Amino acid sequence: MLEKYNQYILPLAFLFAAGAFAASMVLSSVYSLIPCELCWYQRILMFPIPLLLAVAMLRRDILVYWYVLPLSVSGMVVAFYQSLLQWSIVGESSLTCNGVVACGDTQVEFLGFLTIPFGAFLVFTGITALMVAQMKFGKKIKAEFKVQLELLLRLIAIVLISLVVFFVIRKIVS
């Protein structure tokens, strides 16, 4: 049943990772949120993933999960731990970034529960699930390279256009 969707696995994982990258940059550069130490670890684990996925799609590398899974699973662990800190489920942490932001502080919260680290946890979990699907269906993806390349180029174009529009609107508003 899911095999008919296997051509979308890598582009969708790329979209998740690129979206997380863009969101992280916007939150720190535009909204001036200072990342804590655990946020930096999550960034270190997330930022290579879009590049790895883009190169994998261009090279038709069906074994990309060997590179991405260690990063995404590690990111899940760090993000989940920070979410537990913010929800006061585990004890207070002494980790700080520049002595300004503690890792247990909640800087942004949506819908009463969705914090930045929990959002990162959801993205890392989505990427991990897609890489597990890639392990199962990856052999059939190689034949569908043209569709993946077109999707990758469209996704990159959408991300770039969105960033340009965002910065133009930001410049006009300022």
Protein backbone atom coordinates (compact mmCIF):
# COMPACT_ATOMS: atom_id res chain seq x y z
CA MET A 1 0.00 0.00 0.00
CA LEU A 2 2.63 2.54 1.03
CA GLU A 3 4.97 1.46 -1.75
CA LYS A 4 3.25 3.78 -4.24
CA TYR A 5 4.38 6.74 -2.13
CA ASN A 6 8.04 5.73 -1.91
CA GLN A 7 9.10 8.40 -4.43
CA TYR A 8 8.15 11.07 -1.88
CA ILE A 9 10.15 9.77 1.08
CA LEU A 10 13.39 11.68 0.53
CA PRO A 11 11.76 14.93 -0.70
CA LEU A 12 9.43 14.94 2.29
CA ALA A 13 12.32 14.32 4.70
CA PHE A 14 14.21 17.14 2.96
CA LEU A 15 11.23 19.44 3.39
CA PHE A 16 11.02 18.63 7.12
CA ALA A 17 14.74 19.25 7.64
CA ALA A 18 14.87 22.40 5.50
CA GLY A 19 11.80 23.75 7.28
CA ALA A 20 13.41 23.15 10.67
CA PHE A 21 16.60 24.83 9.47
CA ALA A 22 14.67 27.87 8.21
CA ALA A 23 12.57 28.08 11.38
CA SER A 24 15.68 27.96 13.53
CA MET A 25 17.31 30.74 11.54
CA VAL A 26 14.19 32.92 11.63
CA LEU A 27 13.73 32.47 15.40
CA SER A 28 17.30 33.47 16.15
CA SER A 29 17.97 36.03 13.41
CA VAL A 30 14.60 37.73 13.07
CA TYR A 31 13.02 37.29 16.50
CA SER A 32 16.37 37.49 18.34
CA LEU A 33 15.78 34.38 20.43
CA ILE A 34 19.02 33.24 22.01
CA PRO A 35 19.51 29.47 21.69
CA CYS A 36 20.40 27.57 24.84
CA GLU A 37 23.09 24.89 24.95
CA LEU A 38 20.72 22.03 24.14
CA CYS A 39 19.28 24.06 21.25
CA TRP A 40 22.79 24.34 19.85
CA TYR A 41 23.19 20.56 20.02
CA GLN A 42 19.90 20.14 18.16
CA ARG A 43 21.05 22.60 15.50
CA ILE A 44 24.33 20.74 15.09
CA LEU A 45 22.36 17.54 14.54
CA MET A 46 19.69 19.08 12.25
CA PHE A 47 21.66 21.41 9.99
CA PRO A 48 23.56 18.71 8.01
CA ILE A 49 20.40 16.69 7.30
CA PRO A 50 18.98 18.85 4.45
CA LEU A 51 22.35 18.83 2.70
CA LEU A 52 22.73 15.06 3.11
CA LEU A 53 19.23 14.46 1.75
CA ALA A 54 19.73 16.82 -1.20
CA VAL A 55 23.00 15.13 -2.15
CA ALA A 56 21.40 11.70 -1.73
CA MET A 57 18.60 12.64 -4.12
CA LEU A 58 21.04 14.02 -6.68
CA ARG A 59 23.32 10.97 -6.44
CA ARG A 60 20.45 8.47 -6.20
CA ASP A 61 21.89 7.25 -2.92
CA ILE A 62 19.30 4.84 -1.58
CA LEU A 63 21.42 4.17 1.50
CA VAL A 64 21.18 7.73 2.84
CA TYR A 65 19.52 6.43 6.00
CA TRP A 66 22.97 5.27 7.16
CA TYR A 67 23.99 8.94 7.38
CA VAL A 68 20.75 10.53 8.49
CA LEU A 69 19.47 8.09 11.13
CA PRO A 70 22.31 8.66 13.63
CA LEU A 71 21.71 12.41 13.43
CA SER A 72 17.91 12.23 13.61
CA VAL A 73 17.78 9.70 16.46
CA SER A 74 20.35 11.68 18.46
CA GLY A 75 18.36 14.84 17.81
CA MET A 76 15.18 13.12 19.00
CA VAL A 77 16.86 12.23 22.29
CA VAL A 78 18.22 15.74 22.91
CA ALA A 79 14.96 17.45 21.92
CA PHE A 80 12.85 15.10 24.03
CA TYR A 81 15.12 15.63 27.04
CA GLN A 82 14.82 19.40 26.67
CA SER A 83 11.03 19.09 26.35
CA LEU A 84 10.99 17.12 29.61
CA LEU A 85 13.05 19.90 31.20
CA GLN A 86 10.61 22.54 30.01
CA TRP A 87 7.60 20.57 31.21
CA SER A 88 9.33 20.16 34.63
CA ILE A 89 9.17 16.37 34.35
CA VAL A 90 12.91 16.02 34.95
CA GLY A 91 14.98 18.11 37.36
CA GLU A 92 16.21 21.59 36.59
CA SER A 93 19.30 21.78 34.42
CA SER A 94 22.30 23.98 35.00
CA LEU A 95 22.97 24.19 31.25
CA THR A 96 22.88 27.77 30.02
CA CYS A 97 23.88 29.63 26.93
CA ASN A 98 25.93 32.74 27.64
CA GLY A 99 24.38 32.80 31.12
CA VAL A 100 21.20 34.21 29.57
CA VAL A 101 18.89 31.35 28.65
CA ALA A 102 18.48 28.17 30.69
CA CYS A 103 17.59 25.04 28.74
CA GLY A 104 14.47 24.59 30.86
CA ASP A 105 13.11 28.05 29.97
CA THR A 106 10.22 28.18 27.51
CA GLN A 107 10.76 31.06 25.10
CA VAL A 108 7.90 30.28 22.71
CA GLU A 109 4.80 28.15 23.19
CA PHE A 110 1.98 27.36 20.75
CA LEU A 111 -1.34 25.78 21.70
CA GLY A 112 -0.24 25.49 25.32
CA PHE A 113 2.18 22.60 24.76
CA LEU A 114 4.14 23.00 21.52
CA THR A 115 7.52 24.50 22.40
CA ILE A 116 10.56 24.90 20.15
CA PRO A 117 12.27 21.73 21.45
CA PHE A 118 9.05 19.70 21.18
CA GLY A 119 8.64 20.92 17.60
CA ALA A 120 12.22 19.84 16.94
CA PHE A 121 11.41 16.47 18.51
CA LEU A 122 8.45 16.08 16.14
CA VAL A 123 10.59 16.98 13.12
CA PHE A 124 13.40 14.62 14.16
CA THR A 125 10.80 11.89 14.71
CA GLY A 126 9.27 12.52 11.28
CA ILE A 127 12.68 12.35 9.61
CA THR A 128 13.51 9.17 11.52
CA ALA A 129 10.22 7.55 10.45
CA LEU A 130 10.87 8.53 6.84
CA MET A 131 14.39 7.09 6.97
CA VAL A 132 13.00 3.82 8.35
CA ALA A 133 10.55 3.81 5.42
CA GLN A 134 13.51 4.49 3.13
CA MET A 135 15.19 1.37 4.51
CA LYS A 136 12.12 -0.67 3.60
CA PHE A 137 11.24 0.86 0.22
CA GLY A 138 14.55 2.41 -0.86
CA LYS A 139 15.41 -0.12 -3.54
CA LYS A 140 12.44 0.96 -5.61
CA ILE A 141 13.23 4.67 -5.34
CA LYS A 142 16.28 4.52 -7.58
CA ALA A 143 14.08 3.98 -10.63
CA GLU A 144 12.08 7.09 -9.80
CA PHE A 145 15.03 9.50 -9.73
CA LYS A 146 13.58 11.96 -12.22
CA VAL A 147 10.49 12.57 -10.08
CA GLN A 148 12.69 13.07 -7.00
CA LEU A 149 14.96 15.54 -8.77
CA GLU A 150 11.99 17.57 -9.95
CA LEU A 151 10.51 17.57 -6.45
CA LEU A 152 13.86 18.58 -4.92
CA LEU A 153 14.25 21.47 -7.32
CA ARG A 154 10.69 22.63 -6.67
CA LEU A 155 11.19 22.41 -2.90
CA ILE A 156 14.44 24.38 -3.10
CA ALA A 157 12.74 27.00 -5.28
CA ILE A 158 9.82 27.29 -2.84
CA VAL A 159 12.17 27.66 0.14
CA LEU A 160 14.28 30.30 -1.62
CA ILE A 161 11.25 32.27 -2.84
CA SER A 162 9.70 32.11 0.63
CA LEU A 163 12.90 33.43 2.21
CA VAL A 164 13.15 36.27 -0.30
CA VAL A 165 9.50 37.24 0.24
CA PHE A 166 9.96 37.04 4.01
CA PHE A 167 13.01 39.30 4.02
CA VAL A 168 11.40 41.78 1.61
CA ILE A 169 8.30 42.02 3.83
CA ARG A 170 10.55 42.34 6.89
CA LYS A 171 12.46 45.17 5.22
CA ILE A 172 9.23 46.97 4.25
CA VAL A 173 7.78 46.65 7.75
CA SER A 174 10.98 47.85 9.45
